[in-house]
Amino acid sequence: MAEEKLDDVEVVDGTEGGKSKKMIIIIAVVVLALLGGAAAMFLGGDDAKEEDDSAEVEEVATAKQPPIFISMEKPLIVRFKKQSNGAVRYIRVNFEVMARDQAIIDSFTLHQPAIKHDLLLLLLSQKYDILNSPDGNDVLQDQALETINTILSSNESGPLEAVYTDYLMQ
């Protein structure tokens, strides 16, 4: 009986019909994707332009302002005989600071007496061997920047960007 049922079933080669159905489905998907993309561009085009405009405004707002430099009126002079084991008698340091906001420079000027005090303490804590090394000036600049920014931040001011020093040991 099983053989009889097999004889009643017609075998149809479906390669031609299957390929055309697949091709129709692929074309339909591509057409729908193109229509969806066109609709998104048409309907959402203004939003993208607004986002681009706001990005341009943010770039202009975050563009760096020109640097503002100010020097301390007088160099700081510290007896340095003890720290240098008698190699030098004193050290004289000129400080110049840089910020990009006038309010920070004004705060630096306002708090200069406290800044001078802390910088003098910083200079007294320095070691001759470190300052005399090739990286000594960089170390002093980093420490001075940290010292000054600590004072400015405690007085609700923004930080300086850089401190520049030159010093003379005699």
N, C-alpha and C. Protein backbone atom coordinates (compact mmCIF):
# COMPACT_ATOMS: atom_id res chain seq x y z
N MET A 1 0.79 -1.18 0.00
CA MET A 1 0.00 0.00 0.00
C MET A 1 0.84 1.25 0.00
N ALA A 2 1.94 1.19 0.63
CA ALA A 2 2.80 2.35 0.66
C ALA A 2 3.28 2.69 -0.73
N GLU A 3 3.41 1.68 -1.52
CA GLU A 3 3.87 1.94 -2.87
C GLU A 3 2.79 2.61 -3.69
N GLU A 4 1.57 2.30 -3.45
CA GLU A 4 0.48 2.90 -4.19
C GLU A 4 0.37 4.39 -3.88
N LYS A 5 0.58 4.77 -2.67
CA LYS A 5 0.49 6.18 -2.31
C LYS A 5 1.61 6.98 -2.97
N LEU A 6 2.73 6.37 -3.09
CA LEU A 6 3.83 7.08 -3.74
C LEU A 6 3.54 7.29 -5.21
N ASP A 7 2.82 6.36 -5.82
CA ASP A 7 2.52 6.50 -7.23
C ASP A 7 1.51 7.61 -7.47
N ASP A 8 0.63 7.85 -6.50
CA ASP A 8 -0.39 8.88 -6.67
C ASP A 8 0.18 10.29 -6.52
N VAL A 9 1.32 10.45 -5.85
CA VAL A 9 1.91 11.75 -5.61
C VAL A 9 2.66 12.20 -6.85
N GLU A 10 2.36 13.40 -7.25
CA GLU A 10 3.06 13.93 -8.40
C GLU A 10 4.29 14.69 -7.91
N VAL A 11 5.38 14.47 -8.56
CA VAL A 11 6.62 15.15 -8.22
C VAL A 11 6.77 16.32 -9.18
N VAL A 12 6.87 17.53 -8.59
CA VAL A 12 7.00 18.72 -9.42
C VAL A 12 8.36 19.34 -9.13
N ASP A 13 9.08 19.67 -10.16
CA ASP A 13 10.37 20.33 -10.01
C ASP A 13 10.10 21.82 -9.72
N GLY A 14 10.40 22.30 -8.52
CA GLY A 14 10.05 23.65 -8.10
C GLY A 14 11.19 24.64 -8.23
N THR A 15 12.21 24.36 -8.96
CA THR A 15 13.34 25.26 -9.05
C THR A 15 12.99 26.56 -9.75
N GLU A 16 12.16 26.52 -10.76
CA GLU A 16 11.82 27.74 -11.49
C GLU A 16 10.91 28.62 -10.66
N GLY A 17 9.90 28.07 -10.04
CA GLY A 17 8.97 28.85 -9.24
C GLY A 17 9.62 29.39 -7.98
N GLY A 18 10.51 28.63 -7.37
CA GLY A 18 11.19 29.05 -6.15
C GLY A 18 12.15 30.21 -6.39
N LYS A 19 12.83 30.19 -7.50
CA LYS A 19 13.78 31.26 -7.81
C LYS A 19 13.05 32.56 -8.08
N SER A 20 11.94 32.50 -8.77
CA SER A 20 11.21 33.73 -9.08
C SER A 20 10.58 34.31 -7.82
N LYS A 21 10.12 33.45 -6.88
CA LYS A 21 9.56 33.95 -5.64
C LYS A 21 10.64 34.63 -4.79
N LYS A 22 11.83 34.02 -4.75
CA LYS A 22 12.94 34.62 -4.01
C LYS A 22 13.30 35.98 -4.60
N MET A 23 13.33 36.08 -5.91
CA MET A 23 13.68 37.32 -6.59
C MET A 23 12.65 38.40 -6.29
N ILE A 24 11.38 38.06 -6.27
CA ILE A 24 10.32 39.02 -5.97
C ILE A 24 10.44 39.52 -4.53
N ILE A 25 10.75 38.61 -3.61
CA ILE A 25 10.89 38.99 -2.21
C ILE A 25 12.08 39.93 -2.03
N ILE A 26 13.19 39.63 -2.68
CA ILE A 26 14.40 40.47 -2.58
C ILE A 26 14.11 41.86 -3.14
N ILE A 27 13.46 41.93 -4.29
CA ILE A 27 13.15 43.23 -4.90
C ILE A 27 12.21 44.02 -3.98
N ALA A 28 11.23 43.34 -3.40
CA ALA A 28 10.28 44.02 -2.51
C ALA A 28 11.00 44.59 -1.29
N VAL A 29 11.93 43.82 -0.72
CA VAL A 29 12.67 44.29 0.44
C VAL A 29 13.53 45.50 0.08
N VAL A 30 14.19 45.46 -1.06
CA VAL A 30 15.04 46.58 -1.49
C VAL A 30 14.20 47.83 -1.73
N VAL A 31 13.04 47.67 -2.38
CA VAL A 31 12.16 48.81 -2.65
C VAL A 31 11.67 49.41 -1.33
N LEU A 32 11.28 48.57 -0.38
CA LEU A 32 10.82 49.07 0.91
C LEU A 32 11.94 49.79 1.67
N ALA A 33 13.14 49.25 1.59
CA ALA A 33 14.27 49.90 2.25
C ALA A 33 14.54 51.27 1.64
N LEU A 34 14.49 51.37 0.32
CA LEU A 34 14.71 52.66 -0.35
C LEU A 34 13.61 53.66 0.00
N LEU A 35 12.38 53.19 0.02
CA LEU A 35 11.27 54.08 0.38
C LEU A 35 11.40 54.54 1.83
N GLY A 36 11.77 53.65 2.72
CA GLY A 36 11.96 54.02 4.12
C GLY A 36 13.08 55.02 4.28
N GLY A 37 14.19 54.82 3.58
CA GLY A 37 15.31 55.76 3.65
C GLY A 37 14.93 57.12 3.11
N ALA A 38 14.19 57.14 1.98
CA ALA A 38 13.76 58.41 1.39
C ALA A 38 12.81 59.13 2.33
N ALA A 39 11.91 58.39 2.95
CA ALA A 39 10.97 59.01 3.88
C ALA A 39 11.70 59.57 5.09
N ALA A 40 12.69 58.85 5.59
CA ALA A 40 13.44 59.33 6.75
C ALA A 40 14.21 60.60 6.40
N MET A 41 14.79 60.64 5.22
CA MET A 41 15.52 61.84 4.81
C MET A 41 14.56 63.02 4.62
N PHE A 42 13.41 62.73 4.03
CA PHE A 42 12.44 63.80 3.77
C PHE A 42 11.87 64.35 5.07
N LEU A 43 11.48 63.47 5.96
CA LEU A 43 10.84 63.89 7.21
C LEU A 43 11.85 64.33 8.26
N GLY A 44 13.01 63.72 8.30
CA GLY A 44 13.99 64.01 9.34
C GLY A 44 15.11 64.90 8.89
N GLY A 45 15.08 65.40 7.69
CA GLY A 45 16.18 66.21 7.17
C GLY A 45 16.38 67.49 7.95
N ASP A 46 15.30 68.13 8.39
CA ASP A 46 15.42 69.38 9.14
C ASP A 46 16.03 69.14 10.50
N ASP A 47 15.72 68.03 11.15
CA ASP A 47 16.29 67.72 12.46
C ASP A 47 17.80 67.56 12.36
N ALA A 48 18.25 66.88 11.33
CA ALA A 48 19.69 66.68 11.17
C ALA A 48 20.38 68.03 10.97
N LYS A 49 19.73 68.92 10.22
CA LYS A 49 20.32 70.23 9.99
C LYS A 49 20.39 71.03 11.29
N GLU A 50 19.32 70.93 12.11
CA GLU A 50 19.32 71.63 13.38
C GLU A 50 20.41 71.09 14.29
N GLU A 51 20.60 69.77 14.29
CA GLU A 51 21.65 69.18 15.11
C GLU A 51 23.02 69.67 14.65
N ASP A 52 23.22 69.76 13.33
CA ASP A 52 24.49 70.26 12.80
C ASP A 52 24.71 71.70 13.22
N ASP A 53 23.64 72.52 13.15
CA ASP A 53 23.76 73.92 13.54
C ASP A 53 24.12 74.04 15.02
N SER A 54 23.49 73.22 15.87
CA SER A 54 23.80 73.30 17.30
C SER A 54 25.22 72.82 17.58
N ALA A 55 25.70 71.84 16.79
CA ALA A 55 27.07 71.38 16.97
C ALA A 55 28.05 72.49 16.60
N GLU A 56 27.73 73.25 15.56
CA GLU A 56 28.60 74.35 15.17
C GLU A 56 28.63 75.43 16.25
N VAL A 57 27.48 75.71 16.86
CA VAL A 57 27.42 76.71 17.93
C VAL A 57 28.24 76.25 19.12
N GLU A 58 28.17 74.94 19.46
CA GLU A 58 28.95 74.42 20.57
C GLU A 58 30.44 74.52 20.29
N GLU A 59 30.83 74.26 19.04
CA GLU A 59 32.25 74.35 18.68
C GLU A 59 32.74 75.78 18.86
N VAL A 60 31.95 76.75 18.44
CA VAL A 60 32.34 78.15 18.59
C VAL A 60 32.42 78.51 20.07
N ALA A 61 31.47 78.01 20.87
CA ALA A 61 31.45 78.34 22.29
C ALA A 61 32.61 77.70 23.04
N THR A 62 33.03 76.50 22.62
CA THR A 62 34.11 75.82 23.31
C THR A 62 35.47 76.13 22.71
N ALA A 63 35.52 76.97 21.70
CA ALA A 63 36.82 77.34 21.13
C ALA A 63 37.63 78.04 22.22
N LYS A 64 38.90 77.76 22.24
CA LYS A 64 39.74 78.33 23.28
C LYS A 64 39.91 79.83 23.09
N GLN A 65 39.81 80.52 24.20
CA GLN A 65 40.05 81.94 24.21
C GLN A 65 41.56 82.17 24.16
N PRO A 66 42.00 83.34 23.76
CA PRO A 66 43.44 83.59 23.75
C PRO A 66 43.99 83.60 25.18
N PRO A 67 45.23 83.19 25.33
CA PRO A 67 45.81 83.15 26.68
C PRO A 67 46.05 84.56 27.23
N ILE A 68 45.91 84.65 28.55
CA ILE A 68 46.20 85.90 29.26
C ILE A 68 47.33 85.60 30.24
N PHE A 69 48.41 86.36 30.15
CA PHE A 69 49.58 86.15 31.01
C PHE A 69 49.68 87.31 31.99
N ILE A 70 50.12 86.97 33.19
CA ILE A 70 50.40 88.00 34.19
C ILE A 70 51.58 87.53 35.03
N SER A 71 52.45 88.47 35.34
CA SER A 71 53.61 88.16 36.18
C SER A 71 53.38 88.69 37.58
N MET A 72 54.01 88.02 38.53
CA MET A 72 54.03 88.58 39.88
C MET A 72 54.92 89.81 39.83
N GLU A 73 54.56 90.83 40.62
CA GLU A 73 55.27 92.10 40.54
C GLU A 73 56.77 91.95 40.79
N LYS A 74 57.11 91.20 41.82
CA LYS A 74 58.52 91.05 42.21
C LYS A 74 58.87 89.57 42.25
N PRO A 75 60.12 89.26 41.97
CA PRO A 75 60.54 87.86 42.13
C PRO A 75 60.56 87.48 43.62
N LEU A 76 60.37 86.23 43.90
CA LEU A 76 60.45 85.74 45.27
C LEU A 76 61.89 85.30 45.53
N ILE A 77 62.43 85.75 46.64
CA ILE A 77 63.82 85.45 46.99
C ILE A 77 63.83 84.70 48.32
N VAL A 78 64.52 83.57 48.33
CA VAL A 78 64.56 82.71 49.51
C VAL A 78 66.02 82.35 49.80
N ARG A 79 66.39 82.42 51.07
CA ARG A 79 67.72 81.92 51.45
C ARG A 79 67.74 80.42 51.21
N PHE A 80 68.78 79.98 50.53
CA PHE A 80 68.80 78.59 50.09
C PHE A 80 70.08 77.87 50.52
N LYS A 81 70.83 78.48 51.43
CA LYS A 81 72.11 77.91 51.86
C LYS A 81 71.93 76.56 52.53
N LYS A 82 70.92 76.46 53.39
CA LYS A 82 70.68 75.22 54.13
C LYS A 82 70.24 74.09 53.20
N GLN A 83 69.33 74.39 52.26
CA GLN A 83 68.81 73.37 51.35
C GLN A 83 69.87 72.89 50.35
N SER A 84 70.86 73.72 50.08
CA SER A 84 71.88 73.36 49.09
C SER A 84 73.20 72.94 49.74
N ASN A 85 73.20 72.78 51.06
CA ASN A 85 74.43 72.43 51.79
C ASN A 85 75.56 73.41 51.49
N GLY A 86 75.23 74.69 51.43
CA GLY A 86 76.21 75.75 51.23
C GLY A 86 76.61 75.98 49.78
N ALA A 87 76.02 75.24 48.82
CA ALA A 87 76.40 75.42 47.41
C ALA A 87 75.93 76.76 46.87
N VAL A 88 74.76 77.22 47.29
CA VAL A 88 74.26 78.52 46.87
C VAL A 88 73.71 79.24 48.10
N ARG A 89 73.70 80.58 48.04
CA ARG A 89 73.21 81.35 49.18
C ARG A 89 71.72 81.60 49.11
N TYR A 90 71.20 81.86 47.91
CA TYR A 90 69.78 82.15 47.79
C TYR A 90 69.28 81.74 46.40
N ILE A 91 67.97 81.69 46.30
CA ILE A 91 67.33 81.42 45.01
C ILE A 91 66.32 82.54 44.77
N ARG A 92 66.32 83.04 43.56
CA ARG A 92 65.38 84.09 43.15
C ARG A 92 64.52 83.53 42.03
N VAL A 93 63.21 83.55 42.21
CA VAL A 93 62.29 82.94 41.25
C VAL A 93 61.28 83.97 40.76
N ASN A 94 61.15 84.07 39.45
CA ASN A 94 60.11 84.88 38.82
C ASN A 94 58.97 83.95 38.42
N PHE A 95 57.75 84.33 38.73
CA PHE A 95 56.57 83.54 38.38
C PHE A 95 55.71 84.31 37.40
N GLU A 96 55.27 83.62 36.37
CA GLU A 96 54.30 84.15 35.42
C GLU A 96 53.23 83.09 35.25
N VAL A 97 51.97 83.51 35.26
CA VAL A 97 50.86 82.56 35.16
C VAL A 97 50.06 82.82 33.89
N MET A 98 49.33 81.77 33.48
CA MET A 98 48.52 81.88 32.27
C MET A 98 47.15 81.27 32.51
N ALA A 99 46.12 82.00 32.07
CA ALA A 99 44.75 81.52 32.08
C ALA A 99 44.07 82.07 30.83
N ARG A 100 42.90 81.55 30.53
CA ARG A 100 42.17 82.03 29.36
C ARG A 100 40.90 82.79 29.74
N ASP A 101 40.76 83.06 31.04
CA ASP A 101 39.59 83.77 31.54
C ASP A 101 40.06 84.92 32.42
N GLN A 102 39.60 86.10 32.12
CA GLN A 102 40.04 87.29 32.87
C GLN A 102 39.62 87.19 34.33
N ALA A 103 38.52 86.52 34.63
CA ALA A 103 38.07 86.38 36.02
C ALA A 103 39.09 85.59 36.84
N ILE A 104 39.72 84.61 36.24
CA ILE A 104 40.75 83.82 36.94
C ILE A 104 41.97 84.69 37.20
N ILE A 105 42.36 85.49 36.22
CA ILE A 105 43.50 86.39 36.38
C ILE A 105 43.19 87.41 37.49
N ASP A 106 41.98 87.93 37.51
CA ASP A 106 41.58 88.88 38.56
C ASP A 106 41.63 88.22 39.94
N SER A 107 41.19 86.98 40.02
CA SER A 107 41.23 86.25 41.29
C SER A 107 42.68 86.02 41.72
N PHE A 108 43.55 85.70 40.76
CA PHE A 108 44.97 85.52 41.06
C PHE A 108 45.54 86.82 41.64
N THR A 109 45.23 87.94 41.02
CA THR A 109 45.73 89.23 41.50
C THR A 109 45.19 89.55 42.89
N LEU A 110 43.92 89.28 43.12
CA LEU A 110 43.29 89.55 44.40
C LEU A 110 43.91 88.73 45.53
N HIS A 111 44.22 87.48 45.25
CA HIS A 111 44.74 86.58 46.29
C HIS A 111 46.27 86.45 46.26
N GLN A 112 46.93 87.41 45.64
CA GLN A 112 48.38 87.32 45.51
C GLN A 112 49.13 87.27 46.84
N PRO A 113 48.71 87.96 47.88
CA PRO A 113 49.44 87.83 49.15
C PRO A 113 49.44 86.38 49.68
N ALA A 114 48.31 85.71 49.64
CA ALA A 114 48.24 84.31 50.09
C ALA A 114 49.04 83.40 49.15
N ILE A 115 48.98 83.71 47.87
CA ILE A 115 49.74 82.91 46.89
C ILE A 115 51.24 83.06 47.13
N LYS A 116 51.70 84.30 47.36
CA LYS A 116 53.12 84.52 47.64
C LYS A 116 53.56 83.75 48.88
N HIS A 117 52.75 83.79 49.92
CA HIS A 117 53.08 83.07 51.15
C HIS A 117 53.27 81.58 50.88
N ASP A 118 52.30 80.98 50.19
CA ASP A 118 52.40 79.54 49.93
C ASP A 118 53.53 79.20 48.97
N LEU A 119 53.81 80.10 48.02
CA LEU A 119 54.94 79.86 47.11
C LEU A 119 56.28 79.97 47.85
N LEU A 120 56.38 80.89 48.80
CA LEU A 120 57.60 80.98 49.61
C LEU A 120 57.81 79.69 50.41
N LEU A 121 56.73 79.17 50.99
CA LEU A 121 56.84 77.89 51.71
C LEU A 121 57.24 76.76 50.77
N LEU A 122 56.70 76.80 49.55
CA LEU A 122 57.07 75.79 48.56
C LEU A 122 58.56 75.88 48.23
N LEU A 123 59.05 77.10 48.04
CA LEU A 123 60.47 77.27 47.71
C LEU A 123 61.36 76.83 48.86
N LEU A 124 60.95 77.08 50.08
CA LEU A 124 61.75 76.65 51.23
C LEU A 124 61.82 75.13 51.34
N SER A 125 60.83 74.44 50.81
CA SER A 125 60.82 72.97 50.89
C SER A 125 61.56 72.30 49.73
N GLN A 126 62.06 73.09 48.80
CA GLN A 126 62.74 72.51 47.63
C GLN A 126 64.13 72.00 48.00
N LYS A 127 64.60 71.06 47.21
CA LYS A 127 65.95 70.52 47.36
C LYS A 127 66.82 71.00 46.20
N TYR A 128 68.01 71.36 46.52
CA TYR A 128 68.94 71.88 45.52
C TYR A 128 69.18 70.88 44.39
N ASP A 129 69.36 69.61 44.74
CA ASP A 129 69.65 68.60 43.72
C ASP A 129 68.51 68.48 42.72
N ILE A 130 67.28 68.60 43.18
CA ILE A 130 66.12 68.49 42.28
C ILE A 130 66.05 69.72 41.37
N LEU A 131 66.19 70.91 41.96
CA LEU A 131 66.11 72.13 41.15
C LEU A 131 67.27 72.24 40.17
N ASN A 132 68.40 71.68 40.51
CA ASN A 132 69.57 71.75 39.66
C ASN A 132 69.56 70.68 38.57
N SER A 133 68.61 69.76 38.61
CA SER A 133 68.51 68.71 37.60
C SER A 133 67.88 69.26 36.32
N PRO A 134 68.00 68.54 35.21
CA PRO A 134 67.40 69.02 33.95
C PRO A 134 65.88 69.20 34.03
N ASP A 135 65.22 68.40 34.85
CA ASP A 135 63.77 68.51 34.97
C ASP A 135 63.35 69.37 36.16
N GLY A 136 64.28 70.02 36.80
CA GLY A 136 63.99 70.79 38.01
C GLY A 136 62.98 71.90 37.79
N ASN A 137 63.10 72.61 36.69
CA ASN A 137 62.17 73.71 36.40
C ASN A 137 60.76 73.18 36.19
N ASP A 138 60.63 72.06 35.49
CA ASP A 138 59.31 71.47 35.26
C ASP A 138 58.67 71.02 36.57
N VAL A 139 59.47 70.44 37.45
CA VAL A 139 58.96 70.00 38.76
C VAL A 139 58.46 71.21 39.55
N LEU A 140 59.25 72.28 39.56
CA LEU A 140 58.85 73.48 40.28
C LEU A 140 57.59 74.09 39.69
N GLN A 141 57.48 74.13 38.37
CA GLN A 141 56.29 74.67 37.72
C GLN A 141 55.05 73.87 38.08
N ASP A 142 55.15 72.56 38.06
CA ASP A 142 54.00 71.71 38.40
C ASP A 142 53.57 71.92 39.86
N GLN A 143 54.55 71.98 40.75
CA GLN A 143 54.22 72.18 42.16
C GLN A 143 53.62 73.57 42.40
N ALA A 144 54.15 74.58 41.72
CA ALA A 144 53.63 75.94 41.87
C ALA A 144 52.21 76.03 41.31
N LEU A 145 51.95 75.38 40.20
CA LEU A 145 50.60 75.38 39.62
C LEU A 145 49.61 74.73 40.58
N GLU A 146 50.00 73.62 41.17
CA GLU A 146 49.13 72.94 42.14
C GLU A 146 48.87 73.83 43.37
N THR A 147 49.93 74.47 43.85
CA THR A 147 49.81 75.35 45.02
C THR A 147 48.87 76.52 44.75
N ILE A 148 49.05 77.17 43.62
CA ILE A 148 48.22 78.33 43.28
C ILE A 148 46.78 77.91 43.04
N ASN A 149 46.57 76.81 42.31
CA ASN A 149 45.21 76.36 42.02
C ASN A 149 44.47 75.92 43.29
N THR A 150 45.21 75.43 44.28
CA THR A 150 44.57 75.09 45.55
C THR A 150 44.00 76.35 46.21
N ILE A 151 44.76 77.42 46.19
CA ILE A 151 44.29 78.68 46.78
C ILE A 151 43.11 79.23 45.97
N LEU A 152 43.23 79.21 44.65
CA LEU A 152 42.15 79.75 43.82
C LEU A 152 40.87 78.95 43.96
N SER A 153 40.99 77.62 44.02
CA SER A 153 39.78 76.80 44.13
C SER A 153 39.12 76.96 45.50
N SER A 154 39.92 77.20 46.54
CA SER A 154 39.32 77.42 47.87
C SER A 154 38.60 78.77 47.93
N ASN A 155 38.89 79.64 46.99
CA ASN A 155 38.20 80.93 46.92
C ASN A 155 37.22 80.97 45.75
N GLU A 156 36.78 79.79 45.34
CA GLU A 156 35.76 79.63 44.30
C GLU A 156 36.13 80.28 42.99
N SER A 157 37.36 80.10 42.57
CA SER A 157 37.82 80.58 41.28
C SER A 157 38.23 79.38 40.44
N GLY A 158 38.25 79.57 39.14
CA GLY A 158 38.71 78.51 38.27
C GLY A 158 40.22 78.35 38.34
N PRO A 159 40.74 77.27 37.78
CA PRO A 159 42.18 77.02 37.86
C PRO A 159 42.96 77.74 36.76
N LEU A 160 44.21 78.00 37.07
CA LEU A 160 45.14 78.49 36.06
C LEU A 160 45.49 77.32 35.13
N GLU A 161 45.89 77.65 33.92
CA GLU A 161 46.31 76.59 32.99
C GLU A 161 47.80 76.29 33.14
N ALA A 162 48.59 77.31 33.41
CA ALA A 162 50.03 77.08 33.45
C ALA A 162 50.71 78.10 34.35
N VAL A 163 51.85 77.69 34.87
CA VAL A 163 52.74 78.57 35.62
C VAL A 163 54.10 78.44 34.96
N TYR A 164 54.72 79.58 34.72
CA TYR A 164 56.05 79.59 34.12
C TYR A 164 57.01 80.20 35.14
N THR A 165 58.17 79.60 35.26
CA THR A 165 59.16 80.08 36.22
C THR A 165 60.50 80.23 35.53
N ASP A 166 61.26 81.13 36.06
CA ASP A 166 62.69 81.14 35.80
C ASP A 166 63.35 81.51 37.11
N TYR A 167 64.43 80.84 37.40
CA TYR A 167 65.06 81.08 38.69
C TYR A 167 66.57 81.16 38.53
N LEU A 168 67.12 81.85 39.50
CA LEU A 168 68.55 82.07 39.55
C LEU A 168 69.02 81.66 40.93
N MET A 169 70.02 80.78 40.97
CA MET A 169 70.59 80.36 42.26
C MET A 169 71.99 80.95 42.34
N GLN A 170 72.25 81.69 43.44
CA GLN A 170 73.58 82.29 43.63
C GLN A 170 74.07 82.04 45.02
